[in-house]
Amino acid sequence: MMKLKKKLLAGILSGAILLSGGIAFNDAQAHAAHFHGNNRPHFEQFDGQHERPQFTDEQIAEFSKKVADYYGVNQAEIETALRENTHFGDIKQAATLAKLSGRSFSEVLAMKNDWHQVAEKLGVTLEQFDTFMKDEMLSGLAQKYRLDKNTVQKLLDEGYNPRDISAAGIIASESGKNIKSVLNKRKINNSWADVAKEFNVDAKKLFGEHRPHNFHRS
């Protein structure tokens, strides 16, 4: 159980500031639709509290500090929300809206009803939210794969989705190759597992045990 809790915390912390695609509730794939096609940005709604392993004081402090430092909110207020078992998604939404509106995290979290309505009350537009989320995704992908944001934006503009950029980024990092050369190897008749093998990279490093159903062929 302790090992599972440590793995879960590691996932939350690594995702918290989009180091692997975003706060455990802000993954690059989940937000890909915001930046491709005609889907409008949206504020997700959550069910309030949720079950999760009980973290130690040290773990809560570590997570809270990362969130507080990134969003410019009060660490103690994040810790309180975690101890009250507030949904991670609501913490994310409140932290984002606090950053965009200049209000305190606790003040924004206390306003929670419908996040669209909260945003309106705070004067935060969907366009502001979408711009922030896009920049967050770009920063995360760029940081993780040692790219600059302009390169990531160029790849998105060329039609590559965040999932493909993530997969190619891992292979490029592991093999020491240029990410574009890795992306060029992905064809309609092969998979990222095939590409990883071609570059002598363990395919498990791409998506671990949580591979999408079309990991081998898409």
N, C-alpha and C. Protein backbone atom coordinates (compact mmCIF):
# COMPACT_ATOMS: atom_id res chain seq x y z
N MET A 1 0.83 -1.20 0.00
CA MET A 1 0.00 0.00 0.00
C MET A 1 0.87 1.25 0.00
N MET A 2 1.95 1.26 0.83
CA MET A 2 2.83 2.42 0.89
C MET A 2 3.48 2.66 -0.46
N LYS A 3 3.87 1.58 -1.15
CA LYS A 3 4.49 1.72 -2.47
C LYS A 3 3.51 2.34 -3.44
N LEU A 4 2.24 1.91 -3.37
CA LEU A 4 1.22 2.45 -4.26
C LEU A 4 1.02 3.93 -3.98
N LYS A 5 0.98 4.31 -2.69
CA LYS A 5 0.79 5.71 -2.33
C LYS A 5 1.94 6.56 -2.84
N LYS A 6 3.17 6.01 -2.75
CA LYS A 6 4.33 6.76 -3.23
C LYS A 6 4.28 6.95 -4.74
N LYS A 7 3.84 5.91 -5.45
CA LYS A 7 3.73 6.01 -6.91
C LYS A 7 2.66 7.01 -7.30
N LEU A 8 1.55 6.99 -6.56
CA LEU A 8 0.46 7.93 -6.86
C LEU A 8 0.91 9.35 -6.59
N LEU A 9 1.58 9.57 -5.47
CA LEU A 9 2.06 10.90 -5.15
C LEU A 9 3.07 11.37 -6.19
N ALA A 10 3.96 10.47 -6.60
CA ALA A 10 4.96 10.83 -7.61
C ALA A 10 4.28 11.26 -8.89
N GLY A 11 3.20 10.56 -9.24
CA GLY A 11 2.47 10.91 -10.45
C GLY A 11 1.82 12.26 -10.33
N ILE A 12 1.27 12.53 -9.15
CA ILE A 12 0.61 13.82 -8.91
C ILE A 12 1.63 14.95 -8.95
N LEU A 13 2.77 14.72 -8.27
CA LEU A 13 3.78 15.77 -8.21
C LEU A 13 4.40 16.03 -9.57
N SER A 14 4.69 14.96 -10.32
CA SER A 14 5.31 15.15 -11.63
C SER A 14 4.33 15.78 -12.60
N GLY A 15 3.05 15.53 -12.38
CA GLY A 15 2.06 16.12 -13.27
C GLY A 15 1.57 17.46 -12.78
N ALA A 16 1.88 17.79 -11.55
CA ALA A 16 1.31 18.98 -10.94
C ALA A 16 1.60 20.25 -11.70
N ILE A 17 2.80 20.39 -12.20
CA ILE A 17 3.13 21.61 -12.91
C ILE A 17 3.38 21.30 -14.37
N LEU A 18 2.65 20.33 -14.85
CA LEU A 18 2.71 19.96 -16.25
C LEU A 18 4.06 19.43 -16.65
N LEU A 19 4.80 18.84 -15.72
CA LEU A 19 6.08 18.25 -16.08
C LEU A 19 5.88 17.00 -16.91
N SER A 20 4.70 16.40 -16.80
CA SER A 20 4.41 15.24 -17.64
C SER A 20 3.06 15.45 -18.31
N GLY A 21 2.72 16.69 -18.56
CA GLY A 21 1.47 17.00 -19.21
C GLY A 21 0.54 17.79 -18.34
N GLY A 22 0.78 17.96 -17.08
CA GLY A 22 0.00 18.84 -16.25
C GLY A 22 -0.40 18.27 -14.95
N ILE A 23 -1.04 19.08 -14.11
CA ILE A 23 -1.44 18.62 -12.79
C ILE A 23 -2.19 17.33 -12.99
N ALA A 24 -2.06 16.40 -12.12
CA ALA A 24 -2.69 15.11 -12.30
C ALA A 24 -4.05 15.26 -12.93
N PHE A 25 -4.61 16.46 -12.89
CA PHE A 25 -5.89 16.71 -13.52
C PHE A 25 -5.73 17.64 -14.70
N ASN A 26 -4.52 17.72 -15.26
CA ASN A 26 -4.33 18.58 -16.44
C ASN A 26 -3.32 17.94 -17.36
N ASP A 27 -3.76 16.94 -18.06
CA ASP A 27 -2.88 16.19 -18.95
C ASP A 27 -2.94 16.76 -20.35
N ALA A 28 -1.83 16.72 -21.04
CA ALA A 28 -1.77 17.31 -22.39
C ALA A 28 -2.80 16.69 -23.32
N GLN A 29 -2.96 15.37 -23.23
CA GLN A 29 -3.93 14.72 -24.11
C GLN A 29 -5.35 15.19 -23.80
N ALA A 30 -5.64 15.36 -22.52
CA ALA A 30 -6.99 15.76 -22.15
C ALA A 30 -7.35 17.13 -22.69
N HIS A 31 -6.34 17.98 -22.89
CA HIS A 31 -6.61 19.33 -23.36
C HIS A 31 -6.31 19.52 -24.84
N ALA A 32 -5.95 18.45 -25.52
CA ALA A 32 -5.63 18.58 -26.94
C ALA A 32 -6.78 19.15 -27.73
N ALA A 33 -8.01 18.76 -27.36
CA ALA A 33 -9.18 19.23 -28.10
C ALA A 33 -9.35 20.73 -28.02
N HIS A 34 -8.75 21.35 -27.01
CA HIS A 34 -8.87 22.81 -26.88
C HIS A 34 -8.13 23.53 -27.99
N PHE A 35 -7.15 22.86 -28.59
CA PHE A 35 -6.27 23.55 -29.50
C PHE A 35 -6.34 23.00 -30.92
N HIS A 36 -7.22 22.06 -31.16
CA HIS A 36 -7.42 21.51 -32.49
C HIS A 36 -8.92 21.39 -32.74
N GLY A 37 -9.34 21.68 -33.92
CA GLY A 37 -10.76 21.57 -34.24
C GLY A 37 -11.53 22.76 -33.74
N ASN A 38 -12.84 22.59 -33.60
CA ASN A 38 -13.72 23.70 -33.26
C ASN A 38 -14.21 23.68 -31.83
N ASN A 39 -13.63 22.80 -31.00
CA ASN A 39 -14.08 22.74 -29.62
C ASN A 39 -13.70 24.00 -28.86
N ARG A 40 -14.65 24.57 -28.12
CA ARG A 40 -14.36 25.74 -27.31
C ARG A 40 -13.77 25.30 -25.98
N PRO A 41 -12.95 26.16 -25.39
CA PRO A 41 -12.41 25.82 -24.08
C PRO A 41 -13.54 25.70 -23.06
N HIS A 42 -13.33 24.94 -22.02
CA HIS A 42 -14.38 24.79 -21.03
C HIS A 42 -13.79 24.60 -19.65
N PHE A 43 -14.60 24.89 -18.64
CA PHE A 43 -14.22 24.66 -17.26
C PHE A 43 -14.85 23.33 -16.84
N GLU A 44 -14.02 22.38 -16.42
CA GLU A 44 -14.54 21.09 -16.02
C GLU A 44 -15.24 21.20 -14.67
N GLN A 45 -16.22 20.34 -14.47
CA GLN A 45 -16.95 20.30 -13.21
C GLN A 45 -16.64 18.98 -12.51
N PHE A 46 -16.51 19.02 -11.18
CA PHE A 46 -16.17 17.83 -10.42
C PHE A 46 -17.22 17.59 -9.33
N ASP A 47 -17.15 16.44 -8.73
CA ASP A 47 -18.17 16.04 -7.76
C ASP A 47 -17.82 16.42 -6.33
N GLY A 48 -16.90 17.35 -6.17
CA GLY A 48 -16.55 17.78 -4.82
C GLY A 48 -15.43 16.96 -4.24
N GLN A 49 -15.73 16.10 -3.27
CA GLN A 49 -14.70 15.32 -2.62
C GLN A 49 -14.54 13.98 -3.33
N HIS A 50 -13.40 13.34 -3.09
CA HIS A 50 -13.16 12.04 -3.69
C HIS A 50 -12.21 11.24 -2.82
N GLU A 51 -12.26 9.92 -3.00
CA GLU A 51 -11.43 9.04 -2.19
C GLU A 51 -10.02 8.99 -2.76
N ARG A 52 -9.03 8.96 -1.88
CA ARG A 52 -7.64 8.81 -2.30
C ARG A 52 -6.86 8.34 -1.08
N PRO A 53 -5.66 7.78 -1.28
CA PRO A 53 -4.85 7.35 -0.14
C PRO A 53 -4.54 8.52 0.78
N GLN A 54 -4.36 8.24 2.05
CA GLN A 54 -4.01 9.28 3.01
C GLN A 54 -2.52 9.58 2.91
N PHE A 55 -2.18 10.82 2.57
CA PHE A 55 -0.79 11.21 2.44
C PHE A 55 -0.26 11.71 3.78
N THR A 56 1.04 11.65 3.94
CA THR A 56 1.67 12.16 5.15
C THR A 56 1.71 13.68 5.09
N ASP A 57 1.99 14.29 6.25
CA ASP A 57 2.11 15.74 6.31
C ASP A 57 3.20 16.22 5.35
N GLU A 58 4.27 15.47 5.28
CA GLU A 58 5.40 15.84 4.41
C GLU A 58 4.98 15.81 2.94
N GLN A 59 4.21 14.79 2.57
CA GLN A 59 3.75 14.67 1.18
C GLN A 59 2.77 15.78 0.82
N ILE A 60 1.89 16.10 1.75
CA ILE A 60 0.93 17.18 1.50
C ILE A 60 1.66 18.50 1.34
N ALA A 61 2.67 18.72 2.19
CA ALA A 61 3.44 19.96 2.12
C ALA A 61 4.19 20.06 0.79
N GLU A 62 4.73 18.94 0.34
CA GLU A 62 5.49 18.92 -0.91
C GLU A 62 4.59 19.25 -2.10
N PHE A 63 3.44 18.62 -2.15
CA PHE A 63 2.50 18.87 -3.24
C PHE A 63 2.00 20.32 -3.19
N SER A 64 1.64 20.76 -1.98
CA SER A 64 1.09 22.10 -1.82
C SER A 64 2.09 23.17 -2.24
N LYS A 65 3.36 22.96 -1.91
CA LYS A 65 4.39 23.94 -2.27
C LYS A 65 4.53 24.07 -3.78
N LYS A 66 4.51 22.94 -4.47
CA LYS A 66 4.63 22.97 -5.93
C LYS A 66 3.46 23.73 -6.56
N VAL A 67 2.27 23.43 -6.09
CA VAL A 67 1.08 24.12 -6.62
C VAL A 67 1.13 25.61 -6.28
N ALA A 68 1.47 25.91 -5.03
CA ALA A 68 1.51 27.30 -4.57
C ALA A 68 2.56 28.10 -5.35
N ASP A 69 3.73 27.53 -5.54
CA ASP A 69 4.80 28.23 -6.25
C ASP A 69 4.42 28.49 -7.70
N TYR A 70 3.79 27.53 -8.33
CA TYR A 70 3.47 27.67 -9.75
C TYR A 70 2.34 28.66 -9.99
N TYR A 71 1.29 28.57 -9.17
CA TYR A 71 0.12 29.42 -9.40
C TYR A 71 0.15 30.72 -8.60
N GLY A 72 1.16 30.87 -7.74
CA GLY A 72 1.25 32.09 -6.96
C GLY A 72 0.16 32.21 -5.92
N VAL A 73 -0.23 31.08 -5.32
CA VAL A 73 -1.26 31.09 -4.29
C VAL A 73 -0.66 30.68 -2.96
N ASN A 74 -1.46 30.78 -1.89
CA ASN A 74 -0.98 30.51 -0.55
C ASN A 74 -0.87 29.00 -0.29
N GLN A 75 0.32 28.57 0.12
CA GLN A 75 0.55 27.14 0.35
C GLN A 75 -0.34 26.58 1.45
N ALA A 76 -0.51 27.32 2.53
CA ALA A 76 -1.33 26.84 3.64
C ALA A 76 -2.77 26.60 3.20
N GLU A 77 -3.25 27.45 2.29
CA GLU A 77 -4.62 27.28 1.81
C GLU A 77 -4.75 26.02 0.95
N ILE A 78 -3.71 25.70 0.20
CA ILE A 78 -3.71 24.46 -0.59
C ILE A 78 -3.71 23.27 0.35
N GLU A 79 -2.87 23.34 1.40
CA GLU A 79 -2.79 22.25 2.37
C GLU A 79 -4.14 22.01 3.02
N THR A 80 -4.82 23.09 3.38
CA THR A 80 -6.14 22.96 4.01
C THR A 80 -7.11 22.26 3.08
N ALA A 81 -7.10 22.64 1.81
CA ALA A 81 -8.00 22.02 0.83
C ALA A 81 -7.71 20.53 0.70
N LEU A 82 -6.45 20.17 0.71
CA LEU A 82 -6.08 18.76 0.61
C LEU A 82 -6.54 17.98 1.84
N ARG A 83 -6.35 18.58 3.00
CA ARG A 83 -6.75 17.89 4.23
C ARG A 83 -8.27 17.74 4.31
N GLU A 84 -8.98 18.63 3.66
CA GLU A 84 -10.44 18.54 3.62
C GLU A 84 -10.92 17.64 2.48
N ASN A 85 -9.96 16.98 1.82
CA ASN A 85 -10.25 16.02 0.75
C ASN A 85 -10.94 16.66 -0.46
N THR A 86 -10.61 17.93 -0.71
CA THR A 86 -11.15 18.60 -1.89
C THR A 86 -10.65 17.92 -3.15
N HIS A 87 -11.51 17.80 -4.12
CA HIS A 87 -11.14 17.14 -5.37
C HIS A 87 -9.94 17.85 -6.00
N PHE A 88 -8.97 17.07 -6.48
CA PHE A 88 -7.79 17.65 -7.12
C PHE A 88 -8.20 18.59 -8.26
N GLY A 89 -9.25 18.21 -8.98
CA GLY A 89 -9.70 19.03 -10.10
C GLY A 89 -10.18 20.40 -9.65
N ASP A 90 -10.87 20.44 -8.51
CA ASP A 90 -11.34 21.72 -7.99
C ASP A 90 -10.17 22.58 -7.50
N ILE A 91 -9.15 21.93 -6.94
CA ILE A 91 -7.95 22.66 -6.53
C ILE A 91 -7.29 23.29 -7.74
N LYS A 92 -7.22 22.52 -8.81
CA LYS A 92 -6.64 23.02 -10.06
C LYS A 92 -7.43 24.21 -10.60
N GLN A 93 -8.75 24.06 -10.67
CA GLN A 93 -9.57 25.14 -11.22
C GLN A 93 -9.47 26.39 -10.37
N ALA A 94 -9.54 26.22 -9.05
CA ALA A 94 -9.49 27.37 -8.15
C ALA A 94 -8.13 28.06 -8.23
N ALA A 95 -7.06 27.28 -8.29
CA ALA A 95 -5.72 27.86 -8.39
C ALA A 95 -5.55 28.64 -9.68
N THR A 96 -6.07 28.08 -10.77
CA THR A 96 -5.98 28.74 -12.07
C THR A 96 -6.75 30.05 -12.07
N LEU A 97 -7.99 30.02 -11.58
CA LEU A 97 -8.81 31.23 -11.55
C LEU A 97 -8.26 32.26 -10.57
N ALA A 98 -7.65 31.80 -9.49
CA ALA A 98 -7.03 32.73 -8.54
C ALA A 98 -5.86 33.45 -9.22
N LYS A 99 -5.07 32.71 -9.97
CA LYS A 99 -3.93 33.29 -10.68
C LYS A 99 -4.41 34.31 -11.71
N LEU A 100 -5.46 33.96 -12.45
CA LEU A 100 -5.93 34.82 -13.53
C LEU A 100 -6.69 36.04 -13.01
N SER A 101 -7.30 35.93 -11.84
CA SER A 101 -8.12 37.02 -11.32
C SER A 101 -7.42 37.87 -10.27
N GLY A 102 -6.33 37.34 -9.71
CA GLY A 102 -5.64 38.07 -8.66
C GLY A 102 -6.28 37.92 -7.29
N ARG A 103 -7.24 37.03 -7.17
CA ARG A 103 -7.90 36.78 -5.88
C ARG A 103 -7.17 35.65 -5.16
N SER A 104 -7.49 35.47 -3.89
CA SER A 104 -6.85 34.40 -3.12
C SER A 104 -7.45 33.05 -3.49
N PHE A 105 -6.66 32.00 -3.28
CA PHE A 105 -7.11 30.65 -3.59
C PHE A 105 -8.34 30.28 -2.76
N SER A 106 -8.29 30.53 -1.47
CA SER A 106 -9.40 30.14 -0.60
C SER A 106 -10.67 30.89 -0.95
N GLU A 107 -10.53 32.15 -1.34
CA GLU A 107 -11.68 32.94 -1.72
C GLU A 107 -12.35 32.36 -2.96
N VAL A 108 -11.53 31.99 -3.93
CA VAL A 108 -12.07 31.42 -5.17
C VAL A 108 -12.68 30.05 -4.90
N LEU A 109 -12.00 29.22 -4.13
CA LEU A 109 -12.51 27.88 -3.85
C LEU A 109 -13.85 27.95 -3.12
N ALA A 110 -14.00 28.92 -2.24
CA ALA A 110 -15.25 29.08 -1.48
C ALA A 110 -16.41 29.48 -2.37
N MET A 111 -16.11 30.03 -3.54
CA MET A 111 -17.14 30.44 -4.47
C MET A 111 -17.66 29.28 -5.31
N LYS A 112 -17.00 28.11 -5.20
CA LYS A 112 -17.32 27.01 -6.10
C LYS A 112 -18.79 26.64 -6.09
N ASN A 113 -19.34 26.64 -7.27
CA ASN A 113 -20.67 26.12 -7.55
C ASN A 113 -20.56 25.53 -8.94
N ASP A 114 -20.70 26.38 -9.92
CA ASP A 114 -20.40 26.03 -11.29
C ASP A 114 -19.20 26.89 -11.69
N TRP A 115 -18.11 26.24 -12.16
CA TRP A 115 -16.89 26.98 -12.42
C TRP A 115 -17.06 28.03 -13.52
N HIS A 116 -17.97 27.80 -14.45
CA HIS A 116 -18.25 28.82 -15.46
C HIS A 116 -18.78 30.09 -14.80
N GLN A 117 -19.70 29.90 -13.84
CA GLN A 117 -20.29 31.05 -13.14
C GLN A 117 -19.25 31.75 -12.27
N VAL A 118 -18.40 30.97 -11.63
CA VAL A 118 -17.34 31.56 -10.81
C VAL A 118 -16.42 32.42 -11.68
N ALA A 119 -16.05 31.88 -12.84
CA ALA A 119 -15.18 32.63 -13.75
C ALA A 119 -15.83 33.95 -14.17
N GLU A 120 -17.12 33.90 -14.45
CA GLU A 120 -17.83 35.12 -14.85
C GLU A 120 -17.83 36.15 -13.72
N LYS A 121 -18.07 35.68 -12.51
CA LYS A 121 -18.08 36.59 -11.35
C LYS A 121 -16.71 37.22 -11.15
N LEU A 122 -15.68 36.47 -11.47
CA LEU A 122 -14.31 36.97 -11.30
C LEU A 122 -13.84 37.79 -12.49
N GLY A 123 -14.64 37.80 -13.54
CA GLY A 123 -14.25 38.54 -14.74
C GLY A 123 -13.23 37.83 -15.59
N VAL A 124 -13.10 36.51 -15.41
CA VAL A 124 -12.15 35.72 -16.21
C VAL A 124 -12.90 35.13 -17.40
N THR A 125 -12.42 35.39 -18.59
CA THR A 125 -13.09 34.91 -19.79
C THR A 125 -12.58 33.52 -20.18
N LEU A 126 -13.37 32.83 -20.98
CA LEU A 126 -12.94 31.53 -21.48
C LEU A 126 -11.67 31.68 -22.31
N GLU A 127 -11.55 32.79 -23.02
CA GLU A 127 -10.37 33.00 -23.84
C GLU A 127 -9.12 33.13 -22.96
N GLN A 128 -9.24 33.83 -21.83
CA GLN A 128 -8.12 33.95 -20.90
C GLN A 128 -7.74 32.58 -20.35
N PHE A 129 -8.76 31.83 -19.97
CA PHE A 129 -8.53 30.50 -19.41
C PHE A 129 -7.85 29.60 -20.44
N ASP A 130 -8.35 29.64 -21.67
CA ASP A 130 -7.82 28.79 -22.72
C ASP A 130 -6.38 29.18 -23.04
N THR A 131 -6.10 30.47 -23.09
CA THR A 131 -4.74 30.94 -23.36
C THR A 131 -3.79 30.46 -22.28
N PHE A 132 -4.23 30.55 -21.02
CA PHE A 132 -3.39 30.10 -19.92
C PHE A 132 -3.14 28.59 -20.01
N MET A 133 -4.20 27.81 -20.26
CA MET A 133 -4.05 26.36 -20.33
C MET A 133 -3.14 25.96 -21.50
N LYS A 134 -3.26 26.66 -22.60
CA LYS A 134 -2.41 26.35 -23.75
C LYS A 134 -0.96 26.65 -23.44
N ASP A 135 -0.71 27.79 -22.81
CA ASP A 135 0.65 28.15 -22.46
C ASP A 135 1.22 27.17 -21.46
N GLU A 136 0.37 26.71 -20.54
CA GLU A 136 0.78 25.73 -19.54
C GLU A 136 1.19 24.43 -20.21
N MET A 137 0.40 23.99 -21.18
CA MET A 137 0.72 22.77 -21.90
C MET A 137 2.02 22.92 -22.68
N LEU A 138 2.18 24.05 -23.37
CA LEU A 138 3.39 24.28 -24.15
C LEU A 138 4.62 24.29 -23.24
N SER A 139 4.50 24.95 -22.09
CA SER A 139 5.63 25.03 -21.16
C SER A 139 6.00 23.65 -20.63
N GLY A 140 4.98 22.85 -20.33
CA GLY A 140 5.23 21.52 -19.80
C GLY A 140 5.92 20.62 -20.80
N LEU A 141 5.42 20.61 -22.03
CA LEU A 141 6.04 19.79 -23.07
C LEU A 141 7.46 20.27 -23.35
N ALA A 142 7.63 21.58 -23.41
CA ALA A 142 8.95 22.13 -23.70
C ALA A 142 9.95 21.78 -22.60
N GLN A 143 9.51 21.91 -21.33
CA GLN A 143 10.41 21.64 -20.22
C GLN A 143 10.77 20.17 -20.14
N LYS A 144 9.79 19.32 -20.30
CA LYS A 144 10.06 17.89 -20.14
C LYS A 144 10.99 17.35 -21.21
N TYR A 145 10.83 17.83 -22.44
CA TYR A 145 11.62 17.28 -23.54
C TYR A 145 12.71 18.22 -24.01
N ARG A 146 13.04 19.21 -23.16
CA ARG A 146 14.14 20.13 -23.42
C ARG A 146 14.00 20.80 -24.78
N LEU A 147 12.80 21.28 -25.04
CA LEU A 147 12.51 22.02 -26.26
C LEU A 147 12.16 23.45 -25.87
N ASP A 148 12.13 24.35 -26.85
CA ASP A 148 11.62 25.67 -26.55
C ASP A 148 10.15 25.72 -26.95
N LYS A 149 9.41 26.64 -26.36
CA LYS A 149 7.97 26.71 -26.59
C LYS A 149 7.63 26.97 -28.05
N ASN A 150 8.47 27.72 -28.73
CA ASN A 150 8.22 27.99 -30.15
C ASN A 150 8.27 26.71 -30.98
N THR A 151 9.18 25.81 -30.61
CA THR A 151 9.28 24.52 -31.31
C THR A 151 8.02 23.70 -31.09
N VAL A 152 7.57 23.65 -29.83
CA VAL A 152 6.35 22.91 -29.53
C VAL A 152 5.16 23.51 -30.27
N GLN A 153 5.06 24.84 -30.26
CA GLN A 153 3.95 25.50 -30.96
C GLN A 153 4.00 25.20 -32.45
N LYS A 154 5.20 25.19 -33.02
CA LYS A 154 5.35 24.91 -34.45
C LYS A 154 4.87 23.49 -34.77
N LEU A 155 5.20 22.55 -33.88
CA LEU A 155 4.77 21.17 -34.10
C LEU A 155 3.25 21.05 -34.02
N LEU A 156 2.65 21.77 -33.07
CA LEU A 156 1.19 21.77 -32.96
C LEU A 156 0.57 22.39 -34.21
N ASP A 157 1.17 23.48 -34.69
CA ASP A 157 0.66 24.15 -35.88
C ASP A 157 0.77 23.26 -37.12
N GLU A 158 1.75 22.37 -37.10
CA GLU A 158 1.94 21.45 -38.23
C GLU A 158 0.96 20.27 -38.17
N GLY A 159 0.18 20.21 -37.09
CA GLY A 159 -0.84 19.18 -37.00
C GLY A 159 -0.54 18.04 -36.05
N TYR A 160 0.63 18.06 -35.41
CA TYR A 160 0.96 17.01 -34.44
C TYR A 160 0.17 17.26 -33.16
N ASN A 161 -0.41 16.20 -32.60
CA ASN A 161 -1.15 16.38 -31.37
C ASN A 161 -0.24 16.17 -30.16
N PRO A 162 -0.65 16.65 -28.98
CA PRO A 162 0.20 16.54 -27.78
C PRO A 162 0.65 15.12 -27.47
N ARG A 163 -0.22 14.15 -27.72
CA ARG A 163 0.15 12.76 -27.44
C ARG A 163 1.33 12.34 -28.31
N ASP A 164 1.30 12.70 -29.60
CA ASP A 164 2.39 12.33 -30.50
C ASP A 164 3.67 13.07 -30.13
N ILE A 165 3.53 14.34 -29.76
CA ILE A 165 4.71 15.11 -29.35
C ILE A 165 5.32 14.51 -28.09
N SER A 166 4.46 14.07 -27.16
CA SER A 166 4.94 13.44 -25.93
C SER A 166 5.70 12.16 -26.24
N ALA A 167 5.10 11.30 -27.07
CA ALA A 167 5.74 10.03 -27.42
C ALA A 167 7.07 10.27 -28.13
N ALA A 168 7.06 11.17 -29.10
CA ALA A 168 8.29 11.46 -29.85
C ALA A 168 9.32 12.11 -28.94
N GLY A 169 8.86 12.93 -28.00
CA GLY A 169 9.78 13.59 -27.08
C GLY A 169 10.51 12.59 -26.20
N ILE A 170 9.78 11.59 -25.72
CA ILE A 170 10.40 10.55 -24.89
C ILE A 170 11.44 9.79 -25.69
N ILE A 171 11.06 9.38 -26.90
CA ILE A 171 11.99 8.63 -27.75
C ILE A 171 13.22 9.47 -28.08
N ALA A 172 13.00 10.75 -28.40
CA ALA A 172 14.11 11.63 -28.73
C ALA A 172 15.04 11.80 -27.54
N SER A 173 14.46 11.97 -26.34
CA SER A 173 15.27 12.14 -25.13
C SER A 173 16.08 10.88 -24.83
N GLU A 174 15.43 9.73 -24.99
CA GLU A 174 16.11 8.46 -24.67
C GLU A 174 17.18 8.10 -25.69
N SER A 175 16.98 8.50 -26.93
CA SER A 175 17.90 8.11 -28.00
C SER A 175 18.89 9.20 -28.39
N GLY A 176 18.64 10.43 -27.90
CA GLY A 176 19.53 11.52 -28.26
C GLY A 176 19.30 12.06 -29.66
N LYS A 177 18.13 11.76 -30.23
CA LYS A 177 17.81 12.19 -31.58
C LYS A 177 16.97 13.46 -31.57
N ASN A 178 16.86 14.09 -32.72
CA ASN A 178 16.01 15.26 -32.89
C ASN A 178 14.55 14.84 -32.90
N ILE A 179 13.70 15.58 -32.21
CA ILE A 179 12.30 15.18 -32.10
C ILE A 179 11.61 15.11 -33.46
N LYS A 180 11.96 16.01 -34.35
CA LYS A 180 11.31 16.00 -35.67
C LYS A 180 11.68 14.74 -36.45
N SER A 181 12.92 14.29 -36.32
CA SER A 181 13.32 13.07 -37.01
C SER A 181 12.55 11.87 -36.48
N VAL A 182 12.22 11.92 -35.18
CA VAL A 182 11.44 10.84 -34.58
C VAL A 182 10.00 10.91 -35.07
N LEU A 183 9.42 12.09 -35.09
CA LEU A 183 8.05 12.26 -35.56
C LEU A 183 7.90 11.80 -37.01
N ASN A 184 8.92 12.04 -37.82
CA ASN A 184 8.86 11.66 -39.24
C ASN A 184 8.82 10.14 -39.43
N LYS A 185 9.21 9.40 -38.40
CA LYS A 185 9.19 7.93 -38.50
C LYS A 185 7.81 7.35 -38.25
N ARG A 186 6.92 8.14 -37.70
CA ARG A 186 5.57 7.66 -37.40
C ARG A 186 4.72 7.74 -38.66
N LYS A 187 4.31 6.58 -39.14
CA LYS A 187 3.53 6.49 -40.37
C LYS A 187 2.15 5.89 -40.09
N ILE A 188 1.32 5.87 -41.10
CA ILE A 188 -0.03 5.34 -40.94
C ILE A 188 -0.02 3.84 -40.70
N ASN A 189 1.06 3.17 -41.15
CA ASN A 189 1.10 1.71 -41.05
C ASN A 189 2.02 1.22 -39.92
N ASN A 190 2.41 2.10 -39.00
CA ASN A 190 3.18 1.63 -37.86
C ASN A 190 2.64 2.29 -36.58
N SER A 191 3.28 2.02 -35.48
CA SER A 191 2.82 2.55 -34.19
C SER A 191 3.99 3.19 -33.47
N TRP A 192 3.69 3.86 -32.35
CA TRP A 192 4.78 4.43 -31.57
C TRP A 192 5.64 3.34 -30.94
N ALA A 193 5.05 2.18 -30.72
CA ALA A 193 5.85 1.05 -30.22
C ALA A 193 6.87 0.64 -31.27
N ASP A 194 6.45 0.65 -32.54
CA ASP A 194 7.38 0.33 -33.64
C ASP A 194 8.49 1.36 -33.73
N VAL A 195 8.11 2.63 -33.61
CA VAL A 195 9.11 3.70 -33.70
C VAL A 195 10.10 3.60 -32.54
N ALA A 196 9.59 3.33 -31.34
CA ALA A 196 10.47 3.18 -30.19
C ALA A 196 11.48 2.07 -30.42
N LYS A 197 11.01 0.95 -30.95
CA LYS A 197 11.89 -0.18 -31.22
C LYS A 197 12.97 0.20 -32.23
N GLU A 198 12.59 0.96 -33.23
CA GLU A 198 13.54 1.38 -34.27
C GLU A 198 14.67 2.22 -33.67
N PHE A 199 14.35 2.97 -32.61
CA PHE A 199 15.36 3.81 -31.96
C PHE A 199 15.95 3.14 -30.71
N ASN A 200 15.67 1.84 -30.57
CA ASN A 200 16.18 1.07 -29.43
C ASN A 200 15.75 1.64 -28.08
N VAL A 201 14.50 2.07 -28.02
CA VAL A 201 13.93 2.61 -26.79
C VAL A 201 12.83 1.66 -26.30
N ASP A 202 12.83 1.36 -25.01
CA ASP A 202 11.81 0.49 -24.44
C ASP A 202 10.45 1.16 -24.57
N ALA A 203 9.52 0.50 -25.27
CA ALA A 203 8.19 1.09 -25.51
C ALA A 203 7.44 1.37 -24.21
N LYS A 204 7.76 0.66 -23.16
CA LYS A 204 7.07 0.88 -21.88
C LYS A 204 7.34 2.28 -21.33
N LYS A 205 8.42 2.90 -21.78
CA LYS A 205 8.74 4.24 -21.30
C LYS A 205 7.82 5.29 -21.91
N LEU A 206 7.11 4.92 -22.96
CA LEU A 206 6.22 5.89 -23.60
C LEU A 206 4.98 6.14 -22.78
N PHE A 207 4.28 5.07 -22.43
CA PHE A 207 3.02 5.23 -21.72
C PHE A 207 2.92 4.32 -20.50
N GLY A 208 4.00 3.65 -20.18
CA GLY A 208 4.00 2.80 -19.00
C GLY A 208 2.95 1.71 -19.09
N GLU A 209 2.31 1.46 -17.97
CA GLU A 209 1.29 0.42 -17.91
C GLU A 209 -0.06 0.93 -18.36
N HIS A 210 -0.15 2.25 -18.61
CA HIS A 210 -1.44 2.84 -18.95
C HIS A 210 -1.46 3.25 -20.41
N ARG A 211 -1.14 2.31 -21.30
CA ARG A 211 -1.11 2.61 -22.72
C ARG A 211 -2.51 2.76 -23.27
N PRO A 212 -2.72 3.71 -24.17
CA PRO A 212 -4.02 3.84 -24.81
C PRO A 212 -4.29 2.62 -25.66
N HIS A 213 -5.58 2.33 -25.93
CA HIS A 213 -5.92 1.11 -26.64
C HIS A 213 -5.33 1.09 -28.05
N ASN A 214 -5.02 2.25 -28.62
CA ASN A 214 -4.49 2.28 -29.97
C ASN A 214 -2.99 2.51 -29.98
N PHE A 215 -2.33 2.16 -28.88
CA PHE A 215 -0.90 2.39 -28.75
C PHE A 215 -0.13 1.64 -29.83
N HIS A 216 -0.56 0.42 -30.11
CA HIS A 216 0.17 -0.36 -31.09
C HIS A 216 -0.23 -0.07 -32.52
N ARG A 217 -1.44 0.36 -32.74
CA ARG A 217 -1.87 0.70 -34.10
C ARG A 217 -2.91 1.80 -34.01
N SER A 218 -2.69 2.89 -34.72
CA SER A 218 -3.69 3.96 -34.74
C SER A 218 -3.62 4.66 -36.05
